[in-house]
Amino acid sequence: MRLLRVGAPGRETPALLDEDGRLRDLSGVTDDLDAAFLAADGLARLAAVPVDELPVRDATGVRVGAPLRPGKIVCIGLNYRDHAAETGAALPTEPVVFLKAPDTVVGPEDPVLIPRGSTRTDWEVELAVVIGRRARYLASTEEALACVAGYAVANDVSEREFQLERGGQWDKGKSCETFNPFGPWLVTADEVPDPQRLGLRLWVNGVLRQDGNTSDMVFPVAEIVRYVSQFMVLYPGDVINTGTPAGVALGQPDPKPYLTAGDVVELEIDGLGRQRQVVAQA
């Protein structure tokens, strides 16, 4: 299933994209796509509903919001071999874990705001993993994959000076407003048989900047979920951003092409949809 939320910010309603690309209204099935929906076996209930009996909604001019109201956002750093190489970092021996504020999440075509005082705002196309059941001290990668509800596209926007040169942890360069465009869809796990065979691409102003594959991950999805569950409990609706391939501005020669107002960022992951953001000044 391809699940999404549509409507004005803060007033989104749940929907489903059918096989013919038509928007089907889910408001008669659930109030929202969120932690409560996932925790109550919402995906299983939804799978039992005949799609052709759901009302068709006119999609003309409809804003697509984030497909889920997430709980916490856990991020994995330096998780692609080519990205670690381009930044001069050694490959981690354990996943690099940091948190991103949940209120950074915006829709896949909402503007990205450059923070005041920023000169190094960067892009990162990432596979986002959505947790569907509680994950606590998981013993195996098989258990970990059983906890995954689905996958989505995320842009882990980052301010590199705030992240790397202003002291403290990475969070202050990762949690600025609008710094996690998410969606357009939550694609359920049954539609993604192998999350380690997905191409990821990102363009800035039409120039291809990132062109990678999840097969290049240092730590695959199943191991990430298992590992994180040893340090924190993951709940339905939590999201894990699993890292980015090479091609970020930080890894380019000087002068590095960091984002400026008016830039257009487009990104996609095989089977998970496409995003487009126009960059603006906060």
Protein backbone atom coordinates (compact mmCIF):
# COMPACT_ATOMS: atom_id res chain seq x y z
CA MET A 1 0.00 0.00 0.00
CA ARG A 2 1.02 3.59 -0.65
CA LEU A 3 -0.38 5.68 2.19
CA LEU A 4 -0.31 9.46 2.39
CA ARG A 5 -1.85 12.46 4.10
CA VAL A 6 -3.27 15.32 2.09
CA GLY A 7 -4.55 18.80 2.85
CA ALA A 8 -3.41 22.05 4.40
CA PRO A 9 -0.65 21.94 7.06
CA GLY A 10 -2.12 20.76 10.35
CA ARG A 11 -5.38 19.68 8.69
CA GLU A 12 -4.22 16.71 6.64
CA THR A 13 -6.49 13.71 6.16
CA PRO A 14 -5.41 10.12 5.42
CA ALA A 15 -5.52 8.70 1.93
CA LEU A 16 -4.32 5.79 -0.18
CA LEU A 17 -2.94 5.81 -3.70
CA ASP A 18 -4.45 2.92 -5.65
CA GLU A 19 -2.79 0.94 -8.44
CA ASP A 20 -4.18 3.33 -11.06
CA GLY A 21 -2.77 6.37 -9.26
CA ARG A 22 -6.14 7.54 -7.96
CA LEU A 23 -6.42 9.07 -4.53
CA ARG A 24 -8.69 7.10 -2.19
CA ASP A 25 -10.09 8.72 0.94
CA LEU A 26 -9.30 6.87 4.19
CA SER A 27 -11.08 9.23 6.58
CA GLY A 28 -13.87 6.67 7.00
CA VAL A 29 -11.32 4.07 8.09
CA THR A 30 -9.01 6.07 10.38
CA ASP A 31 -8.75 9.61 11.69
CA ASP A 32 -5.05 9.83 10.89
CA LEU A 33 -1.89 7.93 10.03
CA ASP A 34 0.06 8.10 13.26
CA ALA A 35 1.44 6.07 16.15
CA ALA A 36 -2.01 5.14 17.43
CA PHE A 37 -3.05 3.83 14.01
CA LEU A 38 0.05 1.64 13.71
CA ALA A 39 -0.10 0.43 17.32
CA ALA A 40 -3.71 -0.71 16.84
CA ASP A 41 -2.79 -2.95 13.88
CA GLY A 42 -4.08 -0.30 11.53
CA LEU A 43 -2.17 -1.64 8.56
CA ALA A 44 -3.69 -5.10 8.94
CA ARG A 45 -7.18 -3.62 9.26
CA LEU A 46 -6.61 -1.43 6.24
CA ALA A 47 -5.35 -4.35 4.16
CA ALA A 48 -8.70 -6.05 4.70
CA VAL A 49 -10.64 -3.11 3.24
CA PRO A 50 -11.49 -3.47 -0.50
CA VAL A 51 -9.68 -0.56 -2.15
CA ASP A 52 -12.31 -0.18 -4.87
CA GLU A 53 -14.92 0.53 -2.20
CA LEU A 54 -13.01 3.52 -0.84
CA PRO A 55 -14.19 6.94 -2.06
CA VAL A 56 -12.15 8.49 -4.85
CA ARG A 57 -10.88 11.98 -4.04
CA ASP A 58 -10.07 14.65 -6.60
CA ALA A 59 -6.31 15.20 -6.34
CA THR A 60 -6.23 18.40 -8.37
CA GLY A 61 -4.27 21.05 -6.50
CA VAL A 62 -4.20 19.00 -3.30
CA ARG A 63 -1.15 19.48 -1.07
CA VAL A 64 0.60 16.28 0.01
CA GLY A 65 1.77 16.39 3.60
CA ALA A 66 4.09 14.04 5.43
CA PRO A 67 2.59 10.52 5.27
CA LEU A 68 2.86 10.01 9.01
CA ARG A 69 2.86 12.04 12.19
CA PRO A 70 6.08 10.57 13.64
CA GLY A 71 7.12 9.99 17.22
CA LYS A 72 10.87 10.35 17.53
CA ILE A 73 13.28 10.57 14.60
CA VAL A 74 16.46 8.54 15.02
CA CYS A 75 19.23 9.20 12.49
CA ILE A 76 22.24 7.16 11.44
CA GLY A 77 25.36 9.04 10.38
CA LEU A 78 28.15 8.02 8.01
CA ASN A 79 26.26 4.91 6.94
CA TYR A 80 27.33 4.83 3.28
CA ARG A 81 30.88 3.89 2.38
CA ASP A 82 31.19 6.49 -0.38
CA HIS A 83 29.78 9.27 1.83
CA ALA A 84 32.26 8.51 4.62
CA ALA A 85 35.05 8.60 2.06
CA GLU A 86 34.01 11.94 0.57
CA THR A 87 33.95 13.59 4.00
CA GLY A 88 37.28 12.08 5.05
CA ALA A 89 35.73 10.07 7.90
CA ALA A 90 36.69 6.55 8.88
CA LEU A 91 34.00 3.90 8.49
CA PRO A 92 32.22 3.51 11.83
CA THR A 93 32.55 0.22 13.66
CA GLU A 94 29.11 0.74 15.22
CA PRO A 95 26.21 2.83 13.92
CA VAL A 96 26.55 6.56 14.61
CA VAL A 97 23.23 7.50 16.24
CA PHE A 98 21.73 10.93 16.81
CA LEU A 99 18.23 12.33 17.19
CA LYS A 100 16.34 14.87 15.11
CA ALA A 101 13.41 16.89 16.43
CA PRO A 102 10.07 15.49 15.17
CA ASP A 103 8.78 18.98 14.38
CA THR A 104 11.35 19.24 11.57
CA VAL A 105 9.01 17.09 9.47
CA VAL A 106 7.25 18.84 6.58
CA GLY A 107 5.59 17.64 3.41
CA PRO A 108 7.59 16.47 0.40
CA GLU A 109 6.95 19.67 -1.57
CA ASP A 110 6.93 22.19 1.27
CA PRO A 111 9.65 24.88 1.29
CA VAL A 112 12.95 24.25 3.05
CA LEU A 113 14.02 27.27 5.11
CA ILE A 114 17.66 28.26 5.42
CA PRO A 115 18.18 29.19 9.10
CA ARG A 116 19.13 32.74 9.97
CA GLY A 117 22.91 33.04 10.05
CA SER A 118 23.40 29.90 7.98
CA THR A 119 25.91 29.69 5.13
CA ARG A 120 26.23 25.89 4.95
CA THR A 121 22.79 24.37 4.54
CA ASP A 122 23.16 20.96 2.87
CA TRP A 123 20.99 18.18 1.42
CA GLU A 124 20.86 14.43 2.15
CA VAL A 125 18.55 11.96 0.42
CA GLU A 126 17.79 9.10 2.82
CA LEU A 127 15.73 5.96 3.16
CA ALA A 128 13.39 6.44 6.12
CA VAL A 129 12.24 3.37 8.04
CA VAL A 130 8.88 3.59 9.84
CA ILE A 131 8.48 1.41 12.94
CA GLY A 132 5.19 -0.48 13.22
CA ARG A 133 5.49 -2.33 16.51
CA ARG A 134 7.44 -1.90 19.74
CA ALA A 135 11.11 -2.82 19.39
CA ARG A 136 12.97 -3.42 22.64
CA TYR A 137 16.24 -5.38 22.99
CA LEU A 138 15.67 -7.24 19.74
CA ALA A 139 17.75 -10.41 19.51
CA SER A 140 17.96 -10.80 15.74
CA THR A 141 17.71 -8.99 12.44
CA GLU A 142 14.68 -11.14 11.61
CA GLU A 143 12.87 -9.71 14.64
CA ALA A 144 13.97 -6.25 13.55
CA LEU A 145 12.47 -6.50 10.07
CA ALA A 146 9.22 -7.76 11.61
CA CYS A 147 8.99 -4.43 13.43
CA VAL A 148 9.15 -2.37 10.23
CA ALA A 149 5.82 -0.99 9.02
CA GLY A 150 7.20 0.53 5.84
CA TYR A 151 9.53 2.94 4.12
CA ALA A 152 9.56 6.50 2.81
CA VAL A 153 11.81 9.16 1.30
CA ALA A 154 13.43 11.69 3.65
CA ASN A 155 15.65 14.68 3.04
CA ASP A 156 17.87 14.97 6.11
CA VAL A 157 18.63 18.66 5.59
CA SER A 158 21.69 19.73 7.61
CA GLU A 159 23.45 22.96 8.56
CA ARG A 160 27.11 21.94 8.57
CA GLU A 161 28.53 24.81 10.62
CA PHE A 162 25.88 24.34 13.30
CA GLN A 163 26.46 20.58 13.18
CA LEU A 164 30.25 20.42 13.17
CA GLU A 165 31.72 23.72 14.36
CA ARG A 166 29.41 25.12 17.03
CA GLY A 167 30.16 22.64 19.81
CA GLY A 168 28.02 19.94 21.35
CA GLN A 169 26.30 17.20 19.38
CA TRP A 170 25.09 17.08 15.78
CA ASP A 171 21.49 17.81 16.76
CA LYS A 172 21.71 21.60 16.49
CA GLY A 173 22.66 21.32 12.82
CA LYS A 174 19.90 18.80 12.14
CA SER A 175 16.84 20.13 13.97
CA CYS A 176 16.17 23.49 12.34
CA GLU A 177 12.60 24.05 11.16
CA THR A 178 11.65 22.28 7.88
CA PHE A 179 14.81 20.15 8.00
CA ASN A 180 13.05 16.81 7.38
CA PRO A 181 10.87 16.78 4.25
CA PHE A 182 9.16 13.38 4.41
CA GLY A 183 7.12 11.42 1.89
CA PRO A 184 5.20 11.53 -0.38
CA TRP A 185 4.11 8.05 0.66
CA LEU A 186 4.51 5.51 3.40
CA VAL A 187 5.04 2.36 1.34
CA THR A 188 4.25 -0.70 3.41
CA ALA A 189 7.01 -3.23 3.99
CA ASP A 190 5.33 -5.93 1.90
CA GLU A 191 5.82 -3.68 -1.16
CA VAL A 192 9.60 -3.41 -0.52
CA PRO A 193 10.92 -6.99 -0.52
CA ASP A 194 14.57 -5.91 -0.24
CA PRO A 195 15.35 -2.51 1.29
CA GLN A 196 19.03 -3.05 0.43
CA ARG A 197 18.44 -2.80 -3.32
CA LEU A 198 17.00 0.69 -3.70
CA GLY A 199 18.46 3.47 -5.80
CA LEU A 200 18.53 6.97 -4.26
CA ARG A 201 18.98 10.15 -6.30
CA LEU A 202 19.00 13.89 -5.60
CA TRP A 203 19.24 16.90 -7.92
CA VAL A 204 19.87 20.57 -7.13
CA ASN A 205 18.68 22.97 -9.84
CA GLY A 206 18.54 20.05 -12.26
CA VAL A 207 22.11 18.90 -11.57
CA LEU A 208 22.39 15.32 -10.32
CA ARG A 209 24.27 15.50 -7.02
CA GLN A 210 23.59 12.13 -5.38
CA ASP A 211 23.18 8.80 -7.16
CA GLY A 212 23.57 5.90 -4.76
CA ASN A 213 22.09 2.60 -3.70
CA THR A 214 21.13 1.23 -0.31
CA SER A 215 23.38 -1.76 -1.05
CA ASP A 216 26.27 0.56 -0.12
CA MET A 217 25.09 0.93 3.49
CA VAL A 218 27.66 0.06 6.14
CA PHE A 219 24.88 -1.18 8.41
CA PRO A 220 21.73 -2.48 6.66
CA VAL A 221 18.20 -1.65 7.73
CA ALA A 222 17.66 -4.80 9.79
CA GLU A 223 20.89 -4.33 11.74
CA ILE A 224 20.12 -0.65 12.35
CA VAL A 225 16.73 -1.45 13.89
CA ARG A 226 18.17 -4.28 15.98
CA TYR A 227 21.09 -2.13 17.15
CA VAL A 228 19.05 0.95 18.06
CA SER A 229 16.65 -1.22 20.09
CA GLN A 230 19.53 -2.02 22.46
CA PHE A 231 19.78 1.64 23.49
CA MET A 232 16.22 2.95 23.30
CA VAL A 233 12.74 1.55 22.88
CA LEU A 234 11.33 2.11 19.41
CA TYR A 235 7.57 2.59 19.25
CA PRO A 236 5.03 2.49 16.43
CA GLY A 237 5.33 5.71 14.49
CA ASP A 238 9.01 6.26 15.22
CA VAL A 239 11.16 6.94 12.15
CA ILE A 240 14.79 6.04 11.44
CA ASN A 241 16.70 7.99 8.78
CA THR A 242 19.30 5.51 7.63
CA GLY A 243 22.06 7.70 6.19
CA THR A 244 22.96 9.26 2.85
CA PRO A 245 25.19 8.33 -0.09
CA ALA A 246 27.99 10.48 -1.52
CA GLY A 247 27.28 13.76 -3.24
CA VAL A 248 26.42 16.18 -0.43
CA ALA A 249 27.71 19.75 -0.61
CA LEU A 250 30.06 19.10 2.34
CA GLY A 251 31.96 16.57 0.24
CA GLN A 252 32.43 18.84 -2.81
CA PRO A 253 35.55 20.89 -3.64
CA ASP A 254 35.63 24.53 -2.56
CA PRO A 255 33.66 26.63 -3.06
CA LYS A 256 31.13 24.10 -1.81
CA PRO A 257 27.69 24.48 -3.43
CA TYR A 258 25.60 24.89 -0.27
CA LEU A 259 21.94 25.76 -0.71
CA THR A 260 20.79 29.34 -1.21
CA ALA A 261 17.33 30.87 -1.46
CA GLY A 262 15.66 30.01 -4.75
CA ASP A 263 17.42 26.67 -5.22
CA VAL A 264 15.23 23.72 -6.18
CA VAL A 265 15.98 20.32 -4.63
CA GLU A 266 14.45 17.16 -6.10
CA LEU A 267 14.96 13.65 -4.76
CA GLU A 268 13.61 10.16 -5.18
CA ILE A 269 14.03 6.55 -4.11
CA ASP A 270 13.03 3.60 -6.29
CA GLY A 271 9.39 2.72 -5.65
CA LEU A 272 8.96 5.24 -2.83
CA GLY A 273 8.13 8.40 -4.77
CA ARG A 274 9.66 11.79 -5.39
CA GLN A 275 10.08 15.07 -3.52
CA ARG A 276 10.60 18.66 -4.69
CA GLN A 277 11.46 21.61 -2.44
CA VAL A 278 12.08 25.26 -3.22
CA VAL A 279 14.61 26.74 -0.77
CA ALA A 280 13.74 29.99 1.00
CA GLN A 281 15.29 32.16 3.69
CA ALA A 282 13.88 31.85 7.20
